[in-house]
Amino acid sequence: MLNKYNKLVLTALAVTICFACQNDQKVQAADEVPAALNYTAKDIDGKDVKLAKYEGRVLLVVNLASR
């Protein structure tokens, strides 16, 4: 019984280490990411609004993935 438990723990540990060591994703540097204020969005009437208009204010953006 103890032998099965040891094999299970070692297998789980090996899998965890394999996943932890995989870090192939490249992170984009902060200076390369455009500021949110550079974007435009459509208001409730469908008109384009520059987000820079709201600079210095708290802005809640609700993204609905439907039409």
C-alpha atoms as a PDB file:
ATOM      1  CA  MET A   1       0.000   0.000   0.000  1.00  0.00           C
ATOM      2  CA  LEU A   2       2.769   2.427   0.905  1.00  0.00           C
ATOM      3  CA  ASN A   3       4.594   1.599  -2.333  1.00  0.00           C
ATOM      4  CA  LYS A   4       1.529   2.591  -4.418  1.00  0.00           C
ATOM      5  CA  TYR A   5       1.226   5.815  -2.451  1.00  0.00           C
ATOM      6  CA  ASN A   6       4.903   6.655  -3.038  1.00  0.00           C
ATOM      7  CA  LYS A   7       4.555   6.038  -6.792  1.00  0.00           C
ATOM      8  CA  LEU A   8       1.465   8.240  -6.925  1.00  0.00           C
ATOM      9  CA  VAL A   9       3.169  11.065  -5.047  1.00  0.00           C
ATOM     10  CA  LEU A  10       6.312  10.855  -7.191  1.00  0.00           C
ATOM     11  CA  THR A  11       4.269  10.835 -10.398  1.00  0.00           C
ATOM     12  CA  ALA A  12       2.230  13.837  -9.277  1.00  0.00           C
ATOM     13  CA  LEU A  13       5.406  15.648  -8.271  1.00  0.00           C
ATOM     14  CA  ALA A  14       7.051  14.919 -11.630  1.00  0.00           C
ATOM     15  CA  VAL A  15       4.022  16.190 -13.554  1.00  0.00           C
ATOM     16  CA  THR A  16       3.878  19.326 -11.417  1.00  0.00           C
ATOM     17  CA  ILE A  17       7.571  20.031 -11.999  1.00  0.00           C
ATOM     18  CA  CYS A  18       7.168  19.541 -15.757  1.00  0.00           C
ATOM     19  CA  PHE A  19       4.315  22.042 -15.928  1.00  0.00           C
ATOM     20  CA  ALA A  20       6.101  24.505 -13.649  1.00  0.00           C
ATOM     21  CA  CYS A  21       9.222  24.485 -15.826  1.00  0.00           C
ATOM     22  CA  GLN A  22       7.338  25.305 -19.026  1.00  0.00           C
ATOM     23  CA  ASN A  23       7.482  29.048 -19.472  1.00  0.00           C
ATOM     24  CA  ASP A  24       7.629  29.537 -23.227  1.00  0.00           C
ATOM     25  CA  GLN A  25       5.302  32.526 -23.305  1.00  0.00           C
ATOM     26  CA  LYS A  26       6.961  35.817 -24.040  1.00  0.00           C
ATOM     27  CA  VAL A  27       5.787  38.736 -21.963  1.00  0.00           C
ATOM     28  CA  GLN A  28       5.510  42.034 -23.744  1.00  0.00           C
ATOM     29  CA  ALA A  29       7.402  44.829 -22.042  1.00  0.00           C
ATOM     30  CA  ALA A  30       5.296  47.621 -20.550  1.00  0.00           C
ATOM     31  CA  ASP A  31       6.816  50.241 -22.843  1.00  0.00           C
ATOM     32  CA  GLU A  32       5.728  48.229 -25.913  1.00  0.00           C
ATOM     33  CA  VAL A  33       2.078  47.983 -24.864  1.00  0.00           C
ATOM     34  CA  PRO A  34      -0.019  50.904 -26.084  1.00  0.00           C
ATOM     35  CA  ALA A  35      -1.761  52.929 -23.399  1.00  0.00           C
ATOM     36  CA  ALA A  36      -5.491  52.388 -22.972  1.00  0.00           C
ATOM     37  CA  LEU A  37      -6.041  56.084 -23.647  1.00  0.00           C
ATOM     38  CA  ASN A  38      -4.876  55.582 -27.248  1.00  0.00           C
ATOM     39  CA  TYR A  39      -7.960  53.505 -28.082  1.00  0.00           C
ATOM     40  CA  THR A  40     -11.391  54.507 -29.282  1.00  0.00           C
ATOM     41  CA  ALA A  41     -14.661  52.813 -28.461  1.00  0.00           C
ATOM     42  CA  LYS A  42     -18.258  53.150 -29.545  1.00  0.00           C
ATOM     43  CA  ASP A  43     -20.706  54.781 -27.193  1.00  0.00           C
ATOM     44  CA  ILE A  44     -24.294  53.683 -26.689  1.00  0.00           C
ATOM     45  CA  ASP A  45     -25.328  55.650 -29.795  1.00  0.00           C
ATOM     46  CA  GLY A  46     -22.672  53.979 -31.961  1.00  0.00           C
ATOM     47  CA  LYS A  47     -20.417  57.037 -32.200  1.00  0.00           C
ATOM     48  CA  ASP A  48     -16.647  56.715 -31.832  1.00  0.00           C
ATOM     49  CA  VAL A  49     -15.312  58.126 -28.566  1.00  0.00           C
ATOM     50  CA  LYS A  50     -11.623  58.514 -27.750  1.00  0.00           C
ATOM     51  CA  LEU A  51     -10.786  57.094 -24.343  1.00  0.00           C
ATOM     52  CA  ALA A  52      -8.328  59.967 -23.863  1.00  0.00           C
ATOM     53  CA  LYS A  53     -11.427  62.091 -23.242  1.00  0.00           C
ATOM     54  CA  TYR A  54     -11.712  60.371 -19.855  1.00  0.00           C
ATOM     55  CA  GLU A  55      -8.095  60.841 -18.775  1.00  0.00           C
ATOM     56  CA  GLY A  56      -7.820  61.353 -15.018  1.00  0.00           C
ATOM     57  CA  ARG A  57     -11.253  59.857 -14.347  1.00  0.00           C
ATOM     58  CA  VAL A  58     -12.355  56.427 -13.248  1.00  0.00           C
ATOM     59  CA  LEU A  59     -13.785  54.582 -16.231  1.00  0.00           C
ATOM     60  CA  LEU A  60     -15.694  51.306 -16.210  1.00  0.00           C
ATOM     61  CA  VAL A  61     -15.543  49.496 -19.554  1.00  0.00           C
ATOM     62  CA  VAL A  62     -18.163  46.804 -20.095  1.00  0.00           C
ATOM     63  CA  ASN A  63     -17.330  44.534 -23.018  1.00  0.00           C
ATOM     64  CA  LEU A  64     -20.323  42.622 -24.338  1.00  0.00           C
ATOM     65  CA  ALA A  65     -19.485  39.951 -26.872  1.00  0.00           C
ATOM     66  CA  SER A  66     -22.781  40.192 -28.706  1.00  0.00           C
ATOM     67  CA  ARG A  67     -24.435  42.552 -31.115  1.00  0.00           C
END
